[in-house]
Amino acid sequence: MTDPNGLRTAARNWLLAAREELRRPLSRALAIAAALGWIIVVSLAWSAAAQRAELARTEAARSELAGELERQRRASGQLADLQAKITTAEGELARLNRSGGQPQKGSNRRRDR
């Protein structure tokens, strides 16, 4: 086994050496640059995570709007069909009114109502 007092002494010596090293201008500047670098890395990672979350929300909204657009297009097509049927029925009604309410000769149209 290792000597616990030996480990403590080694750790104390390492801390003293690190403290001495940080008193030197170049070492201090490098330590500050390293700390700033880590701050920038963490900030960029957080920003990227926020952007990914925003992108996911935007994609969900886009998908929902695409579905709504498709529903609107189907409804528009159904409306156009109904308008065409109304126009046809109005034309038939006008024709019947002009002819005195009698169907035209040779017309075998069946009414489904």
Protein backbone atom coordinates (compact mmCIF):
# COMPACT_ATOMS: atom_id res chain seq x y z
CA MET A 1 0.00 0.00 0.00
CA THR A 2 0.98 3.60 -0.46
CA ASP A 3 1.71 5.92 2.38
CA PRO A 4 -1.18 8.41 2.92
CA ASN A 5 1.25 10.96 4.32
CA GLY A 6 3.36 10.58 1.20
CA LEU A 7 0.31 11.33 -0.99
CA ARG A 8 -0.51 14.40 1.06
CA THR A 9 3.04 15.63 0.79
CA ALA A 10 3.06 15.05 -2.97
CA ALA A 11 -0.27 16.89 -3.37
CA ARG A 12 0.98 19.78 -1.24
CA ASN A 13 4.16 19.99 -3.27
CA TRP A 14 2.17 19.96 -6.51
CA LEU A 15 -0.08 22.80 -5.28
CA LEU A 16 2.92 24.85 -4.19
CA ALA A 17 4.58 24.30 -7.58
CA ALA A 18 1.37 25.28 -9.39
CA ARG A 19 1.06 28.41 -7.26
CA GLU A 20 4.67 29.34 -8.02
CA GLU A 21 4.11 28.67 -11.72
CA LEU A 22 1.04 30.95 -11.81
CA ARG A 23 3.09 33.82 -10.45
CA ARG A 24 5.01 33.90 -13.73
CA PRO A 25 3.42 36.26 -16.31
CA LEU A 26 3.42 33.80 -19.20
CA SER A 27 1.87 31.03 -17.13
CA ARG A 28 -0.75 33.41 -15.77
CA ALA A 29 -1.62 34.61 -19.29
CA LEU A 30 -1.93 31.03 -20.55
CA ALA A 31 -4.15 30.08 -17.59
CA ILE A 32 -6.42 33.05 -18.27
CA ALA A 33 -6.53 32.21 -21.99
CA ALA A 34 -7.41 28.58 -21.16
CA ALA A 35 -10.18 29.68 -18.79
CA LEU A 36 -11.58 32.05 -21.41
CA GLY A 37 -11.40 29.28 -24.00
CA TRP A 38 -13.44 26.95 -21.79
CA ILE A 39 -15.98 29.69 -21.12
CA ILE A 40 -16.36 30.20 -24.88
CA VAL A 41 -16.72 26.44 -25.50
CA VAL A 42 -19.42 26.10 -22.85
CA SER A 43 -21.22 29.19 -24.18
CA LEU A 44 -21.16 27.87 -27.76
CA ALA A 45 -22.40 24.46 -26.63
CA TRP A 46 -25.29 26.06 -24.76
CA SER A 47 -26.11 28.27 -27.74
CA ALA A 48 -26.08 25.29 -30.12
CA ALA A 49 -28.44 23.37 -27.83
CA ALA A 50 -30.81 26.34 -27.74
CA GLN A 51 -30.70 26.60 -31.55
CA ARG A 52 -31.46 22.88 -31.92
CA ALA A 53 -34.45 23.24 -29.61
CA GLU A 54 -35.70 26.25 -31.58
CA LEU A 55 -35.24 24.35 -34.85
CA ALA A 56 -37.27 21.44 -33.48
CA ARG A 57 -40.09 23.81 -32.46
CA THR A 58 -39.99 25.48 -35.89
CA GLU A 59 -40.13 22.13 -37.69
CA ALA A 60 -43.11 21.04 -35.58
CA ALA A 61 -44.93 24.29 -36.40
CA ARG A 62 -44.10 23.91 -40.11
CA SER A 63 -45.45 20.38 -40.12
CA GLU A 64 -48.65 21.50 -38.39
CA LEU A 65 -49.11 24.36 -40.88
CA ALA A 66 -48.51 22.02 -43.83
CA GLY A 67 -51.29 19.77 -42.54
CA GLU A 68 -53.60 22.74 -42.11
CA LEU A 69 -52.80 23.93 -45.65
CA GLU A 70 -53.66 20.49 -47.03
CA ARG A 71 -56.99 20.52 -45.15
CA GLN A 72 -57.72 24.00 -46.55
CA ARG A 73 -56.92 22.84 -50.09
CA ARG A 74 -59.29 19.87 -49.77
CA ALA A 75 -62.01 22.14 -48.39
CA SER A 76 -61.44 24.59 -51.26
CA GLY A 77 -61.85 21.78 -53.79
CA GLN A 78 -65.07 20.65 -52.14
CA LEU A 79 -66.33 24.25 -52.14
CA ALA A 80 -65.58 24.57 -55.86
CA ASP A 81 -67.52 21.34 -56.52
CA LEU A 82 -70.48 22.62 -54.52
CA GLN A 83 -70.41 25.95 -56.32
CA ALA A 84 -70.41 24.16 -59.67
CA LYS A 85 -73.42 22.07 -58.59
CA ILE A 86 -75.24 25.20 -57.41
CA THR A 87 -74.56 26.94 -60.73
CA THR A 88 -75.85 23.90 -62.62
CA ALA A 89 -78.95 23.70 -60.43
CA GLU A 90 -79.63 27.45 -60.84
CA GLY A 91 -79.33 27.10 -64.62
CA GLU A 92 -81.74 24.15 -64.56
CA LEU A 93 -84.16 26.13 -62.37
CA ALA A 94 -84.02 29.14 -64.72
CA ARG A 95 -84.62 26.86 -67.71
CA LEU A 96 -87.58 25.23 -65.97
CA ASN A 97 -89.01 28.63 -65.05
CA ARG A 98 -88.75 29.82 -68.68
CA SER A 99 -90.43 26.69 -70.00
CA GLY A 100 -93.30 27.01 -67.56
CA GLY A 101 -92.06 24.37 -65.18
CA GLN A 102 -92.20 21.57 -67.72
CA PRO A 103 -89.15 19.42 -68.32
CA GLN A 104 -87.73 19.58 -71.84
CA LYS A 105 -88.82 16.94 -74.30
CA GLY A 106 -86.47 13.99 -74.40
CA SER A 107 -85.01 14.76 -71.01
CA ASN A 108 -84.88 11.65 -68.90
CA ARG A 109 -83.03 13.17 -66.00
CA ARG A 110 -83.67 11.54 -62.71
CA ARG A 111 -83.67 13.68 -59.58
CA ASP A 112 -82.04 12.20 -56.50
CA ARG A 113 -83.56 13.98 -53.53
